[in-house]
Amino acid sequence: MLWLGFWGLILYGIWALIRNSVPAFKGIGPEDLSPFSAILTFFLLITVIFLFQQAWSDAGRLAGDASTYEPVVELNKLLLRSLFIGPAAVIALTVYFFVKGKGTRYGVLTLPYFIASLIFLIRLLYYTGRFVLQEYRDWGIYVVLVFIIIVISALIFFIQKQYEQYKHQENRIQQALKTDADKNDPLKDSPPKA
C-alpha cells in the first residue's frame, strides 16, 4: 500500500508540473470530470502501470540471470525493455496528442497511457544512464550529462513553443473581444457630454 501511495504522489507531481507548465494541457483536469470518471481514470492508470511493470519484469527475466551483475546481461535487459517501452511510449504520446484536441472525454481516456509511458520512459532512461556510468566510468559521465543537457534543452524549447502559441491565441481572443465590445457599444458614436 505504501508503494501505491508513493507512486500516487509521483504521478500527481508529474501531472501538476505538466499541467502548470504546458498551456496545451490545461484543457483537461479534475474540474472537467465527473467524480466517477476521475476514480475510474485513476484505476485505469494504476492498471496500466501494473501492466508496464509486468512487461518490464518479464523483459528483464528474458534477458538472463538477475542474481549476478554481468554487463552483457544488463545490456540485453536494456535492449529488451526498450523494445517494449519505446514503441509503447511513442504510440501513447502520439495518440494522446492526436486525440487530446477532440474533447475532454477522449483526452482523459488517453491520459493514463500517456502518464504510464512517460514514467517508464524516464525509468528506462535512468537505467540506461546508470549502465553507461557503471561500464564506462571515464567518459560515461560526459555521455550522461550531454544527454541530460539535450533532453532539458528540448523540453525548454517545447514548453516555450507551447507557451508562445498559448499567448498568441490568448491575445487574439482578447483583441476579438475588444473589437466585439467596441461594435456593440451604443455610446461609441454619440457626442460627448458636456
Protein backbone atom coordinates (compact mmCIF):
# COMPACT_ATOMS: atom_id res chain seq x y z
CA MET A 1 0.00 0.00 0.00
CA LEU A 2 2.92 2.32 0.73
CA TRP A 3 4.22 1.63 -2.80
CA LEU A 4 0.88 2.70 -4.23
CA GLY A 5 0.91 5.92 -2.21
CA PHE A 6 4.45 6.70 -3.32
CA TRP A 7 3.57 6.25 -7.00
CA GLY A 8 0.40 8.27 -6.47
CA LEU A 9 2.43 11.20 -5.16
CA ILE A 10 4.91 10.87 -8.02
CA LEU A 11 2.10 10.80 -10.58
CA TYR A 12 0.37 13.78 -9.02
CA GLY A 13 3.64 15.72 -9.06
CA ILE A 14 4.22 14.91 -12.73
CA TRP A 15 0.65 15.84 -13.60
CA ALA A 16 0.85 19.13 -11.68
CA LEU A 17 4.15 20.00 -13.36
CA ILE A 18 2.87 19.20 -16.84
CA ARG A 19 -0.46 20.90 -16.34
CA ASN A 20 1.01 24.10 -14.94
CA SER A 21 3.95 24.27 -17.37
CA VAL A 22 2.40 23.48 -20.72
CA PRO A 23 -0.67 25.54 -21.68
CA ALA A 24 -1.79 22.90 -24.20
CA PHE A 25 -2.51 20.53 -21.29
CA LYS A 26 -4.77 22.98 -19.45
CA GLY A 27 -7.90 21.73 -21.20
CA ILE A 28 -8.04 18.52 -19.19
CA GLY A 29 -8.25 18.41 -15.45
CA PRO A 30 -10.21 17.27 -12.43
CA GLU A 31 -12.73 20.11 -12.72
CA ASP A 32 -13.69 18.82 -16.20
CA LEU A 33 -14.50 15.30 -14.99
CA SER A 34 -17.27 13.69 -13.08
CA PRO A 35 -16.04 12.21 -9.79
CA PHE A 36 -16.74 8.70 -11.04
CA SER A 37 -14.72 9.28 -14.23
CA ALA A 38 -11.81 10.60 -12.17
CA ILE A 39 -11.86 7.48 -9.97
CA LEU A 40 -12.03 5.17 -12.99
CA THR A 41 -9.23 7.10 -14.70
CA PHE A 42 -7.08 6.67 -11.60
CA PHE A 43 -7.74 2.91 -11.52
CA LEU A 44 -7.02 2.69 -15.25
CA LEU A 45 -3.72 4.46 -14.63
CA ILE A 46 -2.79 2.04 -11.84
CA THR A 47 -3.73 -0.92 -14.07
CA VAL A 48 -1.64 0.38 -16.96
CA ILE A 49 1.31 0.92 -14.60
CA PHE A 50 0.97 -2.67 -13.37
CA LEU A 51 0.86 -3.88 -16.99
CA PHE A 52 4.00 -1.92 -17.87
CA GLN A 53 5.72 -3.15 -14.69
CA GLN A 54 4.93 -6.77 -15.56
CA ALA A 55 6.29 -6.30 -19.08
CA TRP A 56 9.38 -4.59 -17.60
CA SER A 57 9.98 -7.55 -15.26
CA ASP A 58 9.36 -10.15 -17.95
CA ALA A 59 11.79 -8.44 -20.32
CA GLY A 60 14.39 -8.49 -17.54
CA ARG A 61 13.85 -12.20 -16.92
CA LEU A 62 14.09 -12.99 -20.63
CA ALA A 63 17.47 -11.26 -20.80
CA GLY A 64 19.17 -13.56 -18.31
CA ASP A 65 20.13 -14.26 -14.72
CA ALA A 66 19.48 -11.37 -12.37
CA SER A 67 21.44 -12.80 -9.43
CA THR A 68 24.84 -11.65 -10.68
CA TYR A 69 25.82 -8.47 -12.44
CA GLU A 70 27.11 -9.06 -15.94
CA PRO A 71 27.39 -6.19 -18.43
CA VAL A 72 26.13 -8.29 -21.34
CA VAL A 73 23.02 -9.34 -19.41
CA GLU A 74 22.38 -5.74 -18.31
CA LEU A 75 22.72 -4.51 -21.88
CA ASN A 76 20.33 -7.24 -23.07
CA LYS A 77 17.84 -6.18 -20.40
CA LEU A 78 18.02 -2.58 -21.58
CA LEU A 79 17.55 -3.58 -25.20
CA LEU A 80 14.58 -5.85 -24.50
CA ARG A 81 12.96 -3.28 -22.25
CA SER A 82 13.47 -0.56 -24.83
CA LEU A 83 11.78 -2.77 -27.44
CA PHE A 84 8.63 -2.61 -25.32
CA ILE A 85 8.85 0.82 -23.71
CA GLY A 86 9.99 2.72 -26.81
CA PRO A 87 7.10 1.81 -29.13
CA ALA A 88 4.58 1.94 -26.26
CA ALA A 89 5.70 5.47 -25.37
CA VAL A 90 5.65 6.65 -28.99
CA ILE A 91 2.17 5.21 -29.55
CA ALA A 92 0.82 6.59 -26.26
CA LEU A 93 2.23 10.06 -26.87
CA THR A 94 1.05 10.13 -30.48
CA VAL A 95 -2.47 9.02 -29.59
CA TYR A 96 -2.63 11.43 -26.66
CA PHE A 97 -1.62 14.46 -28.72
CA PHE A 98 -3.81 13.39 -31.66
CA VAL A 99 -6.95 12.75 -29.59
CA LYS A 100 -6.49 15.42 -26.89
CA GLY A 101 -7.93 18.18 -29.04
CA LYS A 102 -11.13 16.20 -29.67
CA GLY A 103 -12.54 16.90 -26.22
CA THR A 104 -12.14 16.08 -22.57
CA ARG A 105 -13.59 12.57 -22.71
CA TYR A 106 -11.02 11.42 -25.26
CA GLY A 107 -8.15 13.27 -23.63
CA VAL A 108 -8.92 11.81 -20.23
CA LEU A 109 -9.15 8.32 -21.74
CA THR A 110 -5.65 8.57 -23.19
CA LEU A 111 -4.13 10.34 -20.17
CA PRO A 112 -3.34 7.15 -18.15
CA TYR A 113 -1.44 5.65 -21.10
CA PHE A 114 0.44 8.92 -21.57
CA ILE A 115 1.45 9.13 -17.90
CA ALA A 116 2.42 5.45 -17.62
CA SER A 117 4.52 5.54 -20.77
CA LEU A 118 6.21 8.72 -19.59
CA ILE A 119 7.05 7.16 -16.22
CA PHE A 120 8.54 4.05 -17.78
CA LEU A 121 10.38 6.05 -20.42
CA ILE A 122 12.01 8.06 -17.63
CA ARG A 123 12.79 4.80 -15.83
CA LEU A 124 14.40 3.35 -18.97
CA LEU A 125 16.49 6.49 -19.39
CA TYR A 126 17.57 6.26 -15.75
CA TYR A 127 18.69 2.62 -16.08
CA THR A 128 20.46 3.41 -19.35
CA GLY A 129 22.34 6.27 -17.72
CA ARG A 130 23.23 4.07 -14.76
CA PHE A 131 24.53 1.35 -17.08
CA VAL A 132 26.68 3.83 -19.02
CA LEU A 133 28.10 5.25 -15.79
CA GLN A 134 28.91 1.80 -14.41
CA GLU A 135 30.50 0.41 -17.55
CA TYR A 136 32.27 3.47 -18.90
CA ARG A 137 33.40 5.37 -15.84
CA ASP A 138 35.93 7.61 -17.59
CA TRP A 139 33.70 9.05 -20.27
CA GLY A 140 30.28 7.78 -19.18
CA ILE A 141 29.60 10.87 -17.11
CA TYR A 142 30.10 13.02 -20.20
CA VAL A 143 27.64 10.93 -22.21
CA VAL A 144 25.01 11.12 -19.47
CA LEU A 145 25.47 14.86 -18.89
CA VAL A 146 25.35 15.66 -22.60
CA PHE A 147 22.19 13.56 -22.92
CA ILE A 148 20.59 15.36 -19.96
CA ILE A 149 21.51 18.72 -21.49
CA ILE A 150 19.92 17.72 -24.80
CA VAL A 151 16.72 16.48 -23.13
CA ILE A 152 16.36 19.56 -20.92
CA SER A 153 17.05 21.88 -23.88
CA ALA A 154 14.38 20.10 -25.93
CA LEU A 155 11.92 20.39 -23.05
CA ILE A 156 12.59 24.10 -22.68
CA PHE A 157 12.09 24.58 -26.42
CA PHE A 158 8.85 22.56 -26.40
CA ILE A 159 7.41 24.29 -23.34
CA GLN A 160 8.33 27.76 -24.61
CA LYS A 161 6.82 26.99 -28.03
CA GLN A 162 3.59 25.83 -26.39
CA TYR A 163 3.55 28.91 -24.16
CA GLU A 164 4.05 31.29 -27.09
CA GLN A 165 1.24 29.60 -29.04
CA TYR A 166 -0.99 29.89 -25.98
CA LYS A 167 -0.16 33.58 -25.50
CA HIS A 168 -0.71 34.29 -29.21
CA GLN A 169 -4.11 32.61 -29.07
CA GLU A 170 -4.97 34.45 -25.85
CA ASN A 171 -4.05 37.80 -27.46
CA ARG A 172 -6.21 37.06 -30.50
CA ILE A 173 -9.16 36.24 -28.24
CA GLN A 174 -8.65 39.45 -26.24
CA GLN A 175 -8.49 41.51 -29.44
CA ALA A 176 -11.64 39.86 -30.78
CA LEU A 177 -13.46 40.54 -27.51
CA LYS A 178 -12.35 44.17 -27.55
CA THR A 179 -13.44 44.60 -31.17
CA ASP A 180 -16.77 42.97 -30.39
CA ALA A 181 -17.26 45.22 -27.35
CA ASP A 182 -16.46 48.31 -29.44
CA LYS A 183 -19.02 47.28 -32.08
CA ASN A 184 -21.75 46.76 -29.51
CA ASP A 185 -21.06 49.95 -27.54
CA PRO A 186 -24.14 52.20 -28.02
CA LEU A 187 -22.31 55.30 -26.76
CA LYS A 188 -19.44 54.95 -29.22
CA ASP A 189 -20.87 57.29 -31.91
CA SER A 190 -22.75 59.63 -29.59
CA PRO A 191 -21.50 63.18 -28.99
CA PRO A 192 -19.56 63.76 -25.78
CA LYS A 193 -21.48 65.03 -22.79
CA ALA A 194 -20.65 68.46 -21.51
